[in-house]
Protein backbone atom coordinates (compact mmCIF):
# COMPACT_ATOMS: atom_id res chain seq x y z
CA UNK A 1 0.00 0.00 0.00
CA UNK A 2 1.66 3.18 -1.20
CA UNK A 3 0.53 6.56 0.07
CA UNK A 4 1.85 9.62 -1.71
CA UNK A 5 1.44 11.90 1.31
CA UNK A 6 3.61 9.66 3.49
CA UNK A 7 6.33 9.56 0.85
CA UNK A 8 6.19 13.32 0.29
CA UNK A 9 6.22 14.01 4.03
CA UNK A 10 9.47 12.16 4.47
CA UNK A 11 10.94 13.48 1.23
CA UNK A 12 10.03 17.01 2.33
CA UNK A 13 12.62 16.88 5.11
CA UNK A 14 15.43 17.78 2.69
CA UNK A 15 13.94 21.08 1.41
CA UNK A 16 12.82 21.89 4.95
CA UNK A 17 16.40 21.52 6.19
CA UNK A 18 17.65 23.81 3.43
CA UNK A 19 14.97 26.43 4.11
CA UNK A 20 15.50 26.44 7.86
CA UNK A 21 19.26 26.80 7.50
CA UNK A 22 18.70 29.70 5.10
CA UNK A 23 16.08 31.64 7.08
CA UNK A 24 16.82 30.68 10.69
CA UNK A 25 20.08 31.13 12.52
CA UNK A 26 22.16 28.57 14.39
CA UNK A 27 20.30 26.95 17.22
CA UNK A 28 16.84 27.85 15.87
CA UNK A 29 17.39 26.06 12.56
CA UNK A 30 18.84 23.05 14.35
CA UNK A 31 15.89 22.99 16.76
CA UNK A 32 13.34 23.28 13.92
CA UNK A 33 14.99 20.44 12.03
CA UNK A 34 15.07 18.11 15.05
CA UNK A 35 11.48 18.91 16.02
CA UNK A 36 10.33 18.09 12.49
CA UNK A 37 12.30 14.84 12.54
CA UNK A 38 11.06 13.81 15.98
CA UNK A 39 7.41 14.70 15.34
CA UNK A 40 7.01 14.60 11.55
CA UNK A 41 8.25 11.17 10.58
CA UNK A 42 6.52 9.26 13.40
CA UNK A 43 3.33 11.16 12.60
CA UNK A 44 3.59 10.11 8.95
CA UNK A 45 4.15 6.49 10.04
CA UNK A 46 1.14 6.63 12.38
CA UNK A 47 -1.07 8.04 9.63
CA UNK A 48 0.09 5.22 7.34
CA UNK A 49 -0.76 2.59 9.98
CA UNK A 50 -4.15 4.24 10.53
CA UNK A 51 -4.95 4.08 6.82
CA UNK A 52 -3.86 0.45 6.69
CA UNK A 53 -6.11 -0.41 9.63
CA UNK A 54 -9.10 1.45 8.20
CA UNK A 55 -8.73 -0.18 4.79
CA UNK A 56 -8.04 -3.73 5.94
CA UNK A 57 -9.78 -4.17 9.30
CA UNK A 58 -12.70 -1.76 9.44
CA UNK A 59 -13.76 -2.71 5.93
CA UNK A 60 -13.75 -6.38 6.96
CA UNK A 61 -15.81 -5.57 10.07
CA UNK A 62 -18.41 -3.69 8.03
CA UNK A 63 -18.61 -6.51 5.50
CA UNK A 64 -19.05 -9.17 8.21
CA UNK A 65 -21.90 -7.32 9.95
CA UNK A 66 -23.96 -6.77 6.80
PDB file of N, CA and C in Angstrom:
ATOM      1  N   UNK A   1       0.852  -1.174   0.000  1.00  0.00           N
ATOM      2  CA  UNK A   1       0.000   0.000   0.000  1.00  0.00           C
ATOM      3  C   UNK A   1       0.896   1.233   0.000  1.00  0.00           C
ATOM      4  N   UNK A   2       0.825   1.993  -1.060  1.00  0.00           N
ATOM      5  CA  UNK A   2       1.658   3.182  -1.200  1.00  0.00           C
ATOM      6  C   UNK A   2       0.797   4.420  -1.025  1.00  0.00           C
ATOM      7  N   UNK A   3       1.222   5.293  -0.150  1.00  0.00           N
ATOM      8  CA  UNK A   3       0.531   6.558   0.074  1.00  0.00           C
ATOM      9  C   UNK A   3       1.470   7.694  -0.308  1.00  0.00           C
ATOM     10  N   UNK A   4       1.013   8.538  -1.217  1.00  0.00           N
ATOM     11  CA  UNK A   4       1.854   9.625  -1.711  1.00  0.00           C
ATOM     12  C   UNK A   4       2.168  10.609  -0.598  1.00  0.00           C
ATOM     13  N   UNK A   5       1.206  10.899   0.269  1.00  0.00           N
ATOM     14  CA  UNK A   5       1.437  11.904   1.310  1.00  0.00           C
ATOM     15  C   UNK A   5       2.494  11.449   2.294  1.00  0.00           C
ATOM     16  N   UNK A   6       2.574  10.155   2.569  1.00  0.00           N
ATOM     17  CA  UNK A   6       3.606   9.661   3.490  1.00  0.00           C
ATOM     18  C   UNK A   6       4.981   9.785   2.850  1.00  0.00           C
ATOM     19  N   UNK A   7       5.063   9.442   1.577  1.00  0.00           N
ATOM     20  CA  UNK A   7       6.326   9.558   0.854  1.00  0.00           C
ATOM     21  C   UNK A   7       6.767  11.012   0.761  1.00  0.00           C
ATOM     22  N   UNK A   8       5.848  11.900   0.425  1.00  0.00           N
ATOM     23  CA  UNK A   8       6.194  13.319   0.286  1.00  0.00           C
ATOM     24  C   UNK A   8       6.529  13.950   1.637  1.00  0.00           C
ATOM     25  N   UNK A   9       5.898  13.490   2.695  1.00  0.00           N
ATOM     26  CA  UNK A   9       6.217  14.010   4.026  1.00  0.00           C
ATOM     27  C   UNK A   9       7.643  13.706   4.434  1.00  0.00           C
ATOM     28  N   UNK A  10       8.102  12.513   4.122  1.00  0.00           N
ATOM     29  CA  UNK A  10       9.475  12.159   4.469  1.00  0.00           C
ATOM     30  C   UNK A  10      10.470  12.758   3.484  1.00  0.00           C
ATOM     31  N   UNK A  11      10.076  12.862   2.222  1.00  0.00           N
ATOM     32  CA  UNK A  11      10.944  13.478   1.226  1.00  0.00           C
ATOM     33  C   UNK A  11      11.042  14.986   1.445  1.00  0.00           C
ATOM     34  N   UNK A  12      10.037  15.577   2.058  1.00  0.00           N
ATOM     35  CA  UNK A  12      10.029  17.012   2.328  1.00  0.00           C
ATOM     36  C   UNK A  12      11.011  17.456   3.394  1.00  0.00           C
ATOM     37  N   UNK A  13      11.641  16.520   4.079  1.00  0.00           N
ATOM     38  CA  UNK A  13      12.616  16.876   5.109  1.00  0.00           C
ATOM     39  C   UNK A  13      13.833  17.578   4.516  1.00  0.00           C
ATOM     40  N   UNK A  14      14.235  17.195   3.310  1.00  0.00           N
ATOM     41  CA  UNK A  14      15.429  17.783   2.692  1.00  0.00           C
ATOM     42  C   UNK A  14      15.208  19.262   2.368  1.00  0.00           C
ATOM     43  N   UNK A  15      14.145  19.650   1.647  1.00  0.00           N
ATOM     44  CA  UNK A  15      13.936  21.082   1.414  1.00  0.00           C
ATOM     45  C   UNK A  15      13.694  21.861   2.704  1.00  0.00           C
ATOM     46  N   UNK A  16      13.046  21.216   3.673  1.00  0.00           N
ATOM     47  CA  UNK A  16      12.818  21.886   4.952  1.00  0.00           C
ATOM     48  C   UNK A  16      14.137  22.205   5.639  1.00  0.00           C
ATOM     49  N   UNK A  17      15.079  21.288   5.593  1.00  0.00           N
ATOM     50  CA  UNK A  17      16.398  21.519   6.193  1.00  0.00           C
ATOM     51  C   UNK A  17      17.116  22.663   5.493  1.00  0.00           C
ATOM     52  N   UNK A  18      17.002  22.724   4.189  1.00  0.00           N
ATOM     53  CA  UNK A  18      17.647  23.809   3.432  1.00  0.00           C
ATOM     54  C   UNK A  18      16.998  25.149   3.764  1.00  0.00           C
ATOM     55  N   UNK A  19      15.671  25.181   3.809  1.00  0.00           N
ATOM     56  CA  UNK A  19      14.973  26.434   4.109  1.00  0.00           C
ATOM     57  C   UNK A  19      15.240  26.916   5.529  1.00  0.00           C
ATOM     58  N   UNK A  20      15.256  26.008   6.485  1.00  0.00           N
ATOM     59  CA  UNK A  20      15.503  26.443   7.858  1.00  0.00           C
ATOM     60  C   UNK A  20      16.928  26.933   8.041  1.00  0.00           C
ATOM     61  N   UNK A  21      17.879  26.319   7.362  1.00  0.00           N
ATOM     62  CA  UNK A  21      19.258  26.801   7.496  1.00  0.00           C
ATOM     63  C   UNK A  21      19.435  28.147   6.808  1.00  0.00           C
ATOM     64  N   UNK A  22      18.596  28.428   5.807  1.00  0.00           N
ATOM     65  CA  UNK A  22      18.702  29.704   5.095  1.00  0.00           C
ATOM     66  C   UNK A  22      18.024  30.843   5.863  1.00  0.00           C
ATOM     67  N   UNK A  23      16.859  30.572   6.457  1.00  0.00           N
ATOM     68  CA  UNK A  23      16.078  31.637   7.079  1.00  0.00           C
ATOM     69  C   UNK A  23      16.193  31.719   8.598  1.00  0.00           C
ATOM     70  N   UNK A  24      16.637  30.656   9.240  1.00  0.00           N
ATOM     71  CA  UNK A  24      16.815  30.683  10.687  1.00  0.00           C
ATOM     72  C   UNK A  24      18.296  30.592  11.011  1.00  0.00           C
ATOM     73  N   UNK A  25      18.671  31.107  12.157  1.00  0.00           N
ATOM     74  CA  UNK A  25      20.081  31.129  12.524  1.00  0.00           C
ATOM     75  C   UNK A  25      20.404  30.076  13.568  1.00  0.00           C
ATOM     76  N   UNK A  26      21.549  29.436  13.401  1.00  0.00           N
ATOM     77  CA  UNK A  26      22.162  28.568  14.389  1.00  0.00           C
ATOM     78  C   UNK A  26      21.260  27.600  15.100  1.00  0.00           C
ATOM     79  N   UNK A  27      21.043  27.865  16.375  1.00  0.00           N
ATOM     80  CA  UNK A  27      20.295  26.946  17.224  1.00  0.00           C
ATOM     81  C   UNK A  27      18.831  26.827  16.802  1.00  0.00           C
ATOM     82  N   UNK A  28      18.252  27.895  16.268  1.00  0.00           N
ATOM     83  CA  UNK A  28      16.845  27.848  15.871  1.00  0.00           C
ATOM     84  C   UNK A  28      16.632  26.922  14.677  1.00  0.00           C
ATOM     85  N   UNK A  29      17.536  26.968  13.698  1.00  0.00           N
ATOM     86  CA  UNK A  29      17.388  26.062  12.556  1.00  0.00           C
ATOM     87  C   UNK A  29      17.623  24.618  12.978  1.00  0.00           C
ATOM     88  N   UNK A  30      18.578  24.395  13.858  1.00  0.00           N
ATOM     89  CA  UNK A  30      18.840  23.049  14.352  1.00  0.00           C
ATOM     90  C   UNK A  30      17.639  22.528  15.144  1.00  0.00           C
ATOM     91  N   UNK A  31      17.050  23.384  15.965  1.00  0.00           N
ATOM     92  CA  UNK A  31      15.890  22.989  16.756  1.00  0.00           C
ATOM     93  C   UNK A  31      14.694  22.682  15.846  1.00  0.00           C
ATOM     94  N   UNK A  32      14.462  23.514  14.835  1.00  0.00           N
ATOM     95  CA  UNK A  32      13.344  23.284  13.917  1.00  0.00           C
ATOM     96  C   UNK A  32      13.517  21.973  13.159  1.00  0.00           C
ATOM     97  N   UNK A  33      14.735  21.682  12.749  1.00  0.00           N
ATOM     98  CA  UNK A  33      14.990  20.440  12.033  1.00  0.00           C
ATOM     99  C   UNK A  33      14.744  19.224  12.927  1.00  0.00           C
ATOM    100  N   UNK A  34      15.245  19.254  14.153  1.00  0.00           N
ATOM    101  CA  UNK A  34      15.071  18.110  15.050  1.00  0.00           C
ATOM    102  C   UNK A  34      13.620  17.932  15.473  1.00  0.00           C
ATOM    103  N   UNK A  35      12.901  19.025  15.674  1.00  0.00           N
ATOM    104  CA  UNK A  35      11.477  18.912  16.021  1.00  0.00           C
ATOM    105  C   UNK A  35      10.708  18.277  14.862  1.00  0.00           C
ATOM    106  N   UNK A  36      11.026  18.688  13.640  1.00  0.00           N
ATOM    107  CA  UNK A  36      10.332  18.095  12.495  1.00  0.00           C
ATOM    108  C   UNK A  36      10.690  16.626  12.324  1.00  0.00           C
ATOM    109  N   UNK A  37      11.916  16.251  12.628  1.00  0.00           N
ATOM    110  CA  UNK A  37      12.301  14.841  12.537  1.00  0.00           C
ATOM    111  C   UNK A  37      11.656  14.008  13.637  1.00  0.00           C
ATOM    112  N   UNK A  38      11.601  14.554  14.847  1.00  0.00           N
ATOM    113  CA  UNK A  38      11.062  13.808  15.983  1.00  0.00           C
ATOM    114  C   UNK A  38       9.544  13.688  15.899  1.00  0.00           C
ATOM    115  N   UNK A  39       8.872  14.713  15.407  1.00  0.00           N
ATOM    116  CA  UNK A  39       7.408  14.696  15.343  1.00  0.00           C
ATOM    117  C   UNK A  39       6.900  14.290  13.958  1.00  0.00           C
ATOM    118  N   UNK A  40       7.523  14.793  12.912  1.00  0.00           N
ATOM    119  CA  UNK A  40       7.009  14.604  11.554  1.00  0.00           C
ATOM    120  C   UNK A  40       7.031  13.184  11.044  1.00  0.00           C
ATOM    121  N   UNK A  41       8.164  12.519  11.131  1.00  0.00           N
ATOM    122  CA  UNK A  41       8.251  11.170  10.584  1.00  0.00           C
ATOM    123  C   UNK A  41       7.422  10.155  11.364  1.00  0.00           C
ATOM    124  N   UNK A  42       7.430  10.179  12.700  1.00  0.00           N
ATOM    125  CA  UNK A  42       6.522   9.256  13.399  1.00  0.00           C
ATOM    126  C   UNK A  42       5.047   9.552  13.113  1.00  0.00           C
ATOM    127  N   UNK A  43       4.706  10.821  12.933  1.00  0.00           N
ATOM    128  CA  UNK A  43       3.326  11.161  12.603  1.00  0.00           C
ATOM    129  C   UNK A  43       2.945  10.596  11.239  1.00  0.00           C
ATOM    130  N   UNK A  44       3.853  10.688  10.269  1.00  0.00           N
ATOM    131  CA  UNK A  44       3.588  10.106   8.952  1.00  0.00           C
ATOM    132  C   UNK A  44       3.436   8.589   9.047  1.00  0.00           C
ATOM    133  N   UNK A  45       4.257   7.947   9.859  1.00  0.00           N
ATOM    134  CA  UNK A  45       4.148   6.495  10.037  1.00  0.00           C
ATOM    135  C   UNK A  45       2.831   6.124  10.718  1.00  0.00           C
ATOM    136  N   UNK A  46       2.410   6.899  11.714  1.00  0.00           N
ATOM    137  CA  UNK A  46       1.137   6.628  12.384  1.00  0.00           C
ATOM    138  C   UNK A  46      -0.049   6.819  11.441  1.00  0.00           C
ATOM    139  N   UNK A  47       0.009   7.827  10.587  1.00  0.00           N
ATOM    140  CA  UNK A  47      -1.070   8.037   9.627  1.00  0.00           C
ATOM    141  C   UNK A  47      -1.125   6.886   8.620  1.00  0.00           C
ATOM    142  N   UNK A  48       0.040   6.362   8.241  1.00  0.00           N
ATOM    143  CA  UNK A  48       0.094   5.216   7.338  1.00  0.00           C
ATOM    144  C   UNK A  48      -0.541   3.989   7.991  1.00  0.00           C
ATOM    145  N   UNK A  49      -0.194   3.731   9.259  1.00  0.00           N
ATOM    146  CA  UNK A  49      -0.762   2.589   9.984  1.00  0.00           C
ATOM    147  C   UNK A  49      -2.270   2.762  10.148  1.00  0.00           C
ATOM    148  N   UNK A  50      -2.718   3.969  10.407  1.00  0.00           N
ATOM    149  CA  UNK A  50      -4.155   4.239  10.535  1.00  0.00           C
ATOM    150  C   UNK A  50      -4.876   3.925   9.229  1.00  0.00           C
ATOM    151  N   UNK A  51      -4.332   4.382   8.105  1.00  0.00           N
ATOM    152  CA  UNK A  51      -4.949   4.080   6.815  1.00  0.00           C
ATOM    153  C   UNK A  51      -4.988   2.578   6.554  1.00  0.00           C
ATOM    154  N   UNK A  52      -3.906   1.898   6.876  1.00  0.00           N
ATOM    155  CA  UNK A  52      -3.856   0.446   6.692  1.00  0.00           C
ATOM    156  C   UNK A  52      -4.944  -0.239   7.515  1.00  0.00           C
ATOM    157  N   UNK A  53      -5.095   0.178   8.754  1.00  0.00           N
ATOM    158  CA  UNK A  53      -6.112  -0.409   9.635  1.00  0.00           C
ATOM    159  C   UNK A  53      -7.516  -0.140   9.107  1.00  0.00           C
ATOM    160  N   UNK A  54      -7.769   1.095   8.694  1.00  0.00           N
ATOM    161  CA  UNK A  54      -9.101   1.448   8.199  1.00  0.00           C
ATOM    162  C   UNK A  54      -9.427   0.646   6.943  1.00  0.00           C
ATOM    163  N   UNK A  55      -8.475   0.525   6.039  1.00  0.00           N
ATOM    164  CA  UNK A  55      -8.734  -0.182   4.787  1.00  0.00           C
ATOM    165  C   UNK A  55      -8.903  -1.681   5.012  1.00  0.00           C
ATOM    166  N   UNK A  56      -8.050  -2.277   5.823  1.00  0.00           N
ATOM    167  CA  UNK A  56      -8.045  -3.733   5.945  1.00  0.00           C
ATOM    168  C   UNK A  56      -8.926  -4.283   7.056  1.00  0.00           C
ATOM    169  N   UNK A  57      -9.045  -3.600   8.166  1.00  0.00           N
ATOM    170  CA  UNK A  57      -9.775  -4.166   9.299  1.00  0.00           C
ATOM    171  C   UNK A  57     -11.192  -3.611   9.429  1.00  0.00           C
ATOM    172  N   UNK A  58     -11.352  -2.316   9.307  1.00  0.00           N
ATOM    173  CA  UNK A  58     -12.702  -1.763   9.439  1.00  0.00           C
ATOM    174  C   UNK A  58     -13.579  -2.177   8.273  1.00  0.00           C
ATOM    175  N   UNK A  59     -12.997  -2.259   7.090  1.00  0.00           N
ATOM    176  CA  UNK A  59     -13.760  -2.706   5.925  1.00  0.00           C
ATOM    177  C   UNK A  59     -14.217  -4.154   6.120  1.00  0.00           C
ATOM    178  N   UNK A  60     -13.375  -4.992   6.690  1.00  0.00           N
ATOM    179  CA  UNK A  60     -13.749  -6.385   6.958  1.00  0.00           C
ATOM    180  C   UNK A  60     -14.840  -6.459   8.023  1.00  0.00           C
ATOM    181  N   UNK A  61     -14.774  -5.591   9.035  1.00  0.00           N
ATOM    182  CA  UNK A  61     -15.808  -5.570  10.075  1.00  0.00           C
ATOM    183  C   UNK A  61     -17.158  -5.147   9.509  1.00  0.00           C
ATOM    184  N   UNK A  62     -17.161  -4.164   8.635  1.00  0.00           N
ATOM    185  CA  UNK A  62     -18.408  -3.690   8.028  1.00  0.00           C
ATOM    186  C   UNK A  62     -18.988  -4.777   7.137  1.00  0.00           C
ATOM    187  N   UNK A  63     -18.137  -5.460   6.386  1.00  0.00           N
ATOM    188  CA  UNK A  63     -18.613  -6.512   5.495  1.00  0.00           C
ATOM    189  C   UNK A  63     -19.160  -7.708   6.278  1.00  0.00           C
ATOM    190  N   UNK A  64     -18.587  -8.011   7.439  1.00  0.00           N
ATOM    191  CA  UNK A  64     -19.049  -9.171   8.205  1.00  0.00           C
ATOM    192  C   UNK A  64     -20.365  -8.896   8.931  1.00  0.00           C
ATOM    193  N   UNK A  65     -20.662  -7.641   9.242  1.00  0.00           N
ATOM    194  CA  UNK A  65     -21.901  -7.320   9.951  1.00  0.00           C
ATOM    195  C   UNK A  65     -23.084  -7.164   9.008  1.00  0.00           C
ATOM    196  N   UNK A  66     -22.827  -6.953   7.725  1.00  0.00           N
ATOM    197  CA  UNK A  66     -23.956  -6.766   6.803  1.00  0.00           C
ATOM    198  C   UNK A  66     -24.323  -8.031   6.077  1.00  0.00           C
TER     199      UNK A  66
END
